[in-house]
Amino acid sequence: MKLFNVNDVKGFFKTVEQCEGNVFLVTGEGDRLNLKSTLTQYVSVAELFAAGRKVPEIELYCSEPEDYTRLIKYMMNEKDETLN
């Protein structure tokens, strides 16, 4: 699954933490970094989200199918808030 224009980094990670299974960031090389790991969030992904920048594109893999729905709902809510 690809997400585009992630603006709310805190909200994104809060949603990831609420997921039932593991959520992985898929790198350009095909590596999977577990986003439920706080260490991975701070070390491996920190540069992507540094200084409040929005992330233009991120590829994710979820171990539990219902977590895709949770992330889609998060993105839909985020987009709705930017329209207000």
Protein backbone atom coordinates (compact mmCIF):
# COMPACT_ATOMS: atom_id res chain seq x y z
CA MET A 1 0.00 0.00 0.00
CA LYS A 2 1.28 3.47 -0.80
CA LEU A 3 0.35 6.58 1.11
CA PHE A 4 0.90 10.03 -0.34
CA ASN A 5 1.47 13.41 1.30
CA VAL A 6 1.57 12.37 4.93
CA ASN A 7 1.37 15.67 6.81
CA ASP A 8 0.55 14.71 10.39
CA VAL A 9 3.54 12.65 11.52
CA LYS A 10 2.34 12.27 15.12
CA GLY A 11 -1.08 11.16 13.95
CA PHE A 12 0.48 8.72 11.48
CA PHE A 13 2.60 7.03 14.16
CA LYS A 14 -0.33 7.03 16.59
CA THR A 15 -2.38 5.19 13.98
CA VAL A 16 0.48 2.73 13.40
CA GLU A 17 0.62 2.04 17.14
CA GLN A 18 -3.12 1.26 17.12
CA CYS A 19 -2.72 -1.37 14.42
CA GLU A 20 -3.22 -4.96 15.54
CA GLY A 21 -0.29 -6.42 13.58
CA ASN A 22 3.06 -5.17 12.41
CA VAL A 23 3.32 -2.30 9.96
CA PHE A 24 6.43 -2.16 7.82
CA LEU A 25 7.96 0.67 5.84
CA VAL A 26 9.18 -0.79 2.55
CA THR A 27 12.41 0.90 1.43
CA GLY A 28 13.46 1.46 -2.16
CA GLU A 29 15.75 -1.56 -1.82
CA GLY A 30 12.84 -3.75 -0.68
CA ASP A 31 13.83 -3.90 2.99
CA ARG A 32 11.00 -3.85 5.53
CA LEU A 33 11.41 -1.70 8.62
CA ASN A 34 8.95 -2.35 11.45
CA LEU A 35 7.26 0.97 12.22
CA LYS A 36 5.86 -0.35 15.49
CA SER A 37 9.41 -0.32 16.83
CA THR A 38 10.14 2.98 18.55
CA LEU A 39 13.80 2.59 17.68
CA THR A 40 12.96 2.25 13.99
CA GLN A 41 10.71 5.29 14.19
CA TYR A 42 13.46 7.43 15.64
CA VAL A 43 16.51 6.10 13.85
CA SER A 44 15.48 4.77 10.45
CA VAL A 45 12.53 6.99 9.61
CA ALA A 46 13.38 10.21 11.46
CA GLU A 47 15.02 11.81 8.43
CA LEU A 48 11.91 11.27 6.31
CA PHE A 49 9.76 13.18 8.76
CA ALA A 50 12.33 15.74 9.99
CA ALA A 51 11.41 19.36 10.55
CA GLY A 52 7.69 18.92 9.95
CA ARG A 53 8.10 18.15 6.26
CA LYS A 54 5.36 16.19 4.63
CA VAL A 55 6.26 12.86 3.12
CA PRO A 56 5.30 12.76 -0.56
CA GLU A 57 5.13 8.95 -0.78
CA ILE A 58 5.55 6.05 1.61
CA GLU A 59 5.08 2.34 0.90
CA LEU A 60 3.74 0.18 3.70
CA TYR A 61 3.05 -3.49 4.27
CA CYS A 62 0.68 -4.62 7.05
CA SER A 63 0.75 -8.11 8.54
CA GLU A 64 -2.99 -7.90 9.34
CA PRO A 65 -5.45 -7.01 6.55
CA GLU A 66 -7.68 -4.90 8.84
CA ASP A 67 -4.76 -2.57 9.51
CA TYR A 68 -4.85 -1.41 5.88
CA THR A 69 -8.41 -0.21 6.53
CA ARG A 70 -7.28 1.63 9.68
CA LEU A 71 -4.52 3.43 7.75
CA ILE A 72 -6.84 4.32 4.87
CA LYS A 73 -9.33 5.83 7.34
CA TYR A 74 -6.50 7.82 8.92
CA MET A 75 -5.46 9.22 5.54
CA MET A 76 -9.05 10.06 4.61
CA ASN A 77 -9.52 11.94 7.90
CA GLU A 78 -6.23 13.78 7.42
CA LYS A 79 -7.28 14.89 3.92
CA ASP A 80 -10.69 16.01 5.19
CA GLU A 81 -9.04 18.17 7.86
CA THR A 82 -6.83 19.92 5.29
CA LEU A 83 -9.97 20.93 3.34
CA ASN A 84 -11.43 22.83 6.32
